[in-house]
Amino acid sequence: MTVADSARIGAAGKNPAIAVAGSGAAAGLIASLALSALILLAERVAALPVGTFYLVLVSAISQASDYDILAIAQGLMLHLLAGTLIGVTIAAPFAVSRRMYQSLRRFAP
């Protein structure tokens, strides 16, 4: 989504701040998915069991020693949620400040 697309959304009656925050959330989710793929590849290369990173993440937070597929899924969901929240946090200044939003024109065609 370019700044011009965001301007058209704003002209159509939708709030451009929500569009910018949504773009940030999508970018964070996509980035965390890409990092998840790299983590899984690194686990495979290091001959670790698949999902070791996510098991460690869940066991560090919950202080439980559940080593099953549910714990791996919970770790993956926590990782994706954290990436999405980081994306929204990075996009928040652009969604809130009109001056910051206008500065995006320098970076997007």
Protein backbone atom coordinates (compact mmCIF):
# COMPACT_ATOMS: atom_id res chain seq x y z
CA MET A 1 0.00 0.00 0.00
CA THR A 2 1.47 3.33 -1.00
CA VAL A 3 0.77 6.73 0.43
CA ALA A 4 -1.36 7.52 -2.62
CA ASP A 5 -3.45 4.42 -1.91
CA SER A 6 -3.85 5.57 1.69
CA ALA A 7 -4.95 8.99 0.46
CA ARG A 8 -7.62 7.35 -1.72
CA ILE A 9 -8.80 5.34 1.28
CA GLY A 10 -9.03 8.55 3.28
CA ALA A 11 -10.98 10.19 0.46
CA ALA A 12 -13.38 7.24 0.35
CA GLY A 13 -14.44 7.94 3.94
CA LYS A 14 -12.23 5.44 5.74
CA ASN A 15 -9.79 6.51 8.39
CA PRO A 16 -6.22 6.47 7.01
CA ALA A 17 -4.85 5.95 10.53
CA ILE A 18 -6.58 2.58 10.68
CA ALA A 19 -5.21 1.70 7.25
CA VAL A 20 -1.67 2.58 8.35
CA ALA A 21 -2.03 0.60 11.60
CA GLY A 22 -3.44 -2.36 9.65
CA SER A 23 -0.53 -2.20 7.23
CA GLY A 24 1.86 -2.20 10.18
CA ALA A 25 0.12 -5.23 11.68
CA ALA A 26 0.28 -7.07 8.35
CA ALA A 27 3.96 -6.20 7.93
CA GLY A 28 4.74 -7.45 11.44
CA LEU A 29 2.85 -10.69 10.84
CA ILE A 30 4.62 -11.32 7.53
CA ALA A 31 8.01 -10.58 9.10
CA SER A 32 7.37 -12.94 12.00
CA LEU A 33 6.30 -15.67 9.55
CA ALA A 34 9.55 -15.19 7.63
CA LEU A 35 11.54 -15.36 10.86
CA SER A 36 9.65 -18.50 11.85
CA ALA A 37 10.73 -20.15 8.61
CA LEU A 38 14.34 -19.18 9.28
CA ILE A 39 14.13 -20.48 12.85
CA LEU A 40 12.73 -23.80 11.65
CA LEU A 41 15.47 -24.07 9.03
CA ALA A 42 18.14 -23.32 11.64
CA GLU A 43 16.69 -26.01 13.90
CA ARG A 44 16.82 -28.47 11.02
CA VAL A 45 20.43 -27.61 10.17
CA ALA A 46 21.48 -27.85 13.83
CA ALA A 47 19.79 -31.27 14.09
CA LEU A 48 17.44 -30.06 16.83
CA PRO A 49 13.89 -31.35 17.09
CA VAL A 50 11.46 -29.23 15.11
CA GLY A 51 9.80 -26.66 17.37
CA THR A 52 12.56 -26.42 19.98
CA PHE A 53 12.51 -22.62 19.90
CA TYR A 54 8.77 -22.52 20.49
CA LEU A 55 8.99 -25.12 23.27
CA VAL A 56 11.62 -23.02 25.03
CA LEU A 57 9.48 -19.91 24.57
CA VAL A 58 6.38 -21.50 26.09
CA SER A 59 8.26 -23.21 28.91
CA ALA A 60 9.99 -19.93 29.83
CA ILE A 61 6.69 -18.08 30.02
CA SER A 62 4.51 -20.75 31.61
CA GLN A 63 7.19 -22.49 33.71
CA ALA A 64 5.67 -25.80 32.57
CA SER A 65 7.44 -28.72 30.97
CA ASP A 66 4.83 -29.69 28.39
CA TYR A 67 6.60 -31.10 25.37
CA ASP A 68 3.81 -31.73 22.91
CA ILE A 69 2.44 -30.31 19.70
CA LEU A 70 0.12 -27.97 21.62
CA ALA A 71 3.09 -26.27 23.27
CA ILE A 72 4.75 -25.82 19.88
CA ALA A 73 1.53 -24.31 18.48
CA GLN A 74 1.24 -21.98 21.48
CA GLY A 75 4.83 -20.85 20.99
CA LEU A 76 4.22 -20.20 17.31
CA MET A 77 1.09 -18.19 18.10
CA LEU A 78 2.98 -16.16 20.72
CA HIS A 79 5.72 -15.48 18.19
CA LEU A 80 3.22 -14.35 15.54
CA LEU A 81 1.35 -12.20 18.07
CA ALA A 82 4.58 -10.54 19.18
CA GLY A 83 5.52 -9.78 15.56
CA THR A 84 2.09 -8.31 14.88
CA LEU A 85 2.27 -6.12 17.99
CA ILE A 86 5.74 -4.92 17.02
CA GLY A 87 4.42 -4.00 13.56
CA VAL A 88 1.55 -2.00 15.04
CA THR A 89 3.95 -0.30 17.46
CA ILE A 90 6.26 0.72 14.63
CA ALA A 91 3.31 2.02 12.57
CA ALA A 92 1.69 3.89 15.49
CA PRO A 93 3.60 7.20 15.06
CA PHE A 94 2.60 7.30 11.41
CA ALA A 95 -1.02 6.54 12.25
CA VAL A 96 -1.27 9.17 14.99
CA SER A 97 0.77 12.11 13.72
CA ARG A 98 -0.34 13.89 10.56
CA ARG A 99 3.17 15.27 10.04
CA MET A 100 4.75 11.81 10.31
CA TYR A 101 2.11 10.42 7.94
CA GLN A 102 2.94 13.10 5.37
CA SER A 103 6.66 12.27 5.69
CA LEU A 104 5.93 8.82 4.26
CA ARG A 105 5.76 10.40 0.80
CA ARG A 106 9.54 10.67 0.84
CA PHE A 107 9.88 6.89 1.14
CA ALA A 108 6.99 5.59 -0.97
CA PRO A 109 6.41 6.35 -4.65
